[in-house]
Protein backbone atom coordinates (compact mmCIF):
# COMPACT_ATOMS: atom_id res chain seq x y z
CA GLN A 1 0.39 36.07 261.45
CA VAL A 2 3.20 35.91 264.69
CA GLN A 3 3.23 38.36 266.40
CA LEU A 4 5.64 40.11 269.01
CA VAL A 5 5.06 43.20 270.57
CA GLU A 6 7.87 44.97 273.04
CA SER A 7 6.58 47.46 275.79
CA GLY A 8 7.71 49.00 279.28
CA GLY A 9 10.75 51.48 277.46
CA GLY A 10 10.80 55.30 278.09
CA LEU A 11 13.50 57.53 279.53
CA VAL A 12 14.93 56.99 283.40
CA GLN A 13 17.79 58.03 285.63
CA PRO A 14 21.17 56.27 286.12
CA GLY A 15 19.78 54.24 288.69
CA GLY A 16 16.62 53.48 287.95
CA SER A 17 14.52 50.73 286.77
CA LEU A 18 11.89 49.66 284.02
CA ARG A 19 10.53 46.54 283.25
CA LEU A 20 10.21 45.56 279.42
CA SER A 21 7.04 43.23 278.33
CA CYS A 22 7.38 41.20 275.07
CA ALA A 23 3.62 39.81 274.06
CA ALA A 24 3.90 37.13 271.93
CA SER A 25 1.11 35.88 269.21
CA GLY A 26 0.91 32.92 266.59
CA ILE A 27 3.23 30.70 268.29
CA THR A 28 3.23 27.43 270.64
CA PHE A 29 5.45 30.03 272.79
CA ARG A 30 6.11 27.64 275.48
CA ILE A 31 8.38 25.80 273.50
CA TYR A 32 10.21 28.51 272.56
CA ALA A 33 13.69 29.59 273.31
CA MET A 34 13.22 33.65 273.50
CA ASN A 35 15.80 36.32 274.06
CA TRP A 36 16.02 40.42 274.67
CA HIS A 37 18.95 41.92 272.49
CA ARG A 38 19.27 45.52 272.50
CA GLN A 39 20.40 47.59 269.98
CA ALA A 40 22.66 51.11 270.45
CA PRO A 41 23.42 54.07 268.24
CA GLY A 42 26.47 53.31 266.30
CA LYS A 43 26.91 49.46 267.92
CA GLU A 44 25.30 46.06 266.49
CA ARG A 45 22.71 44.33 268.04
CA GLU A 46 24.06 42.27 271.09
CA LEU A 47 22.78 39.04 273.13
CA VAL A 48 21.47 40.80 276.29
CA ALA A 49 19.51 37.79 278.05
CA THR A 50 18.01 34.53 277.53
CA ILE A 51 14.91 32.23 278.92
CA THR A 52 14.64 28.49 277.40
CA ARG A 53 12.07 26.36 277.50
CA ASP A 54 13.07 24.99 281.16
CA PHE A 55 12.87 28.66 281.95
CA SER A 56 16.83 28.38 282.28
CA THR A 57 18.50 31.64 282.31
CA ASN A 58 21.30 33.51 280.86
CA TYR A 59 22.94 36.51 280.84
CA ALA A 60 25.82 39.55 279.10
CA ASP A 61 28.54 40.14 281.25
CA SER A 62 27.20 43.67 281.20
CA VAL A 63 23.71 42.69 282.57
CA LYS A 64 24.74 40.24 284.93
CA GLY A 65 23.25 41.18 288.27
CA ARG A 66 21.42 43.84 287.69
CA PHE A 67 18.84 42.35 284.98
CA THR A 68 16.50 39.65 285.05
CA ILE A 69 14.82 37.75 282.71
CA SER A 70 11.17 36.13 283.27
CA ARG A 71 8.33 34.83 281.31
CA ASP A 72 4.90 33.73 282.19
CA ASN A 73 3.70 31.01 279.46
CA GLY A 74 -0.15 31.42 280.73
CA LYS A 75 0.53 35.09 279.51
CA ASN A 76 2.17 34.21 276.03
CA THR A 77 4.88 36.54 277.50
CA VAL A 78 8.77 37.39 278.29
CA TYR A 79 10.08 39.77 280.61
CA LEU A 80 13.31 41.96 281.21
CA GLN A 81 13.53 43.63 284.85
CA MET A 82 15.85 46.03 284.39
CA ASN A 83 17.86 47.42 287.68
CA SER A 84 20.44 49.63 288.49
CA LEU A 85 20.92 51.55 285.05
CA LYS A 86 23.87 52.76 283.86
CA PRO A 87 23.67 55.12 280.70
CA GLU A 88 25.38 52.68 278.38
CA ASP A 89 22.20 50.69 278.86
CA THR A 90 20.41 53.31 275.65
CA ALA A 91 19.27 50.96 273.15
CA VAL A 92 16.36 49.70 271.90
CA TYR A 93 15.09 45.97 273.04
CA TYR A 94 13.48 43.37 270.67
CA CYS A 95 12.64 40.18 271.81
CA ASN A 96 13.18 36.94 269.70
CA ALA A 97 11.76 33.80 270.07
CA ASN A 98 15.04 31.83 268.74
CA PRO A 99 15.40 32.00 265.99
CA LYS A 100 13.48 33.73 263.31
CA TYR A 101 11.16 35.78 265.30
CA TRP A 102 11.29 39.62 265.77
CA GLY A 103 9.82 42.59 268.38
CA LYS A 104 9.56 45.38 266.94
CA GLY A 105 11.51 47.38 269.83
CA THR A 106 10.95 49.28 272.28
CA LEU A 107 13.37 52.65 273.51
CA VAL A 108 15.34 53.06 276.59
CA THR A 109 17.23 55.80 277.18
CA VAL A 110 19.08 56.05 280.44
CA SER A 111 19.93 59.38 281.80
CA SER A 112 19.59 62.64 283.44
């Protein structure tokens, strides 16, 4: 059974940082490109960051320079380090083993 379990969300003040984690099981993690997506209230889900099996990364323009995606194949885990958070980063963040496996999400709220 495939499971992707996100953790690390919460409430943070503007300018603060959070690190999200996504632990995978039931898949050969190292062969998958891994993505982080987010969905803000009333908006469509958007792709935030990607890391390929070869550790190449790509980011949405809105998070470039603030967010960093990384992976640890030994721990079957992908991370999203989020710095300089803004209120517009408030969303449910989902990890995805491209293309078909999804986690249930973790809520990030950026507010003072």
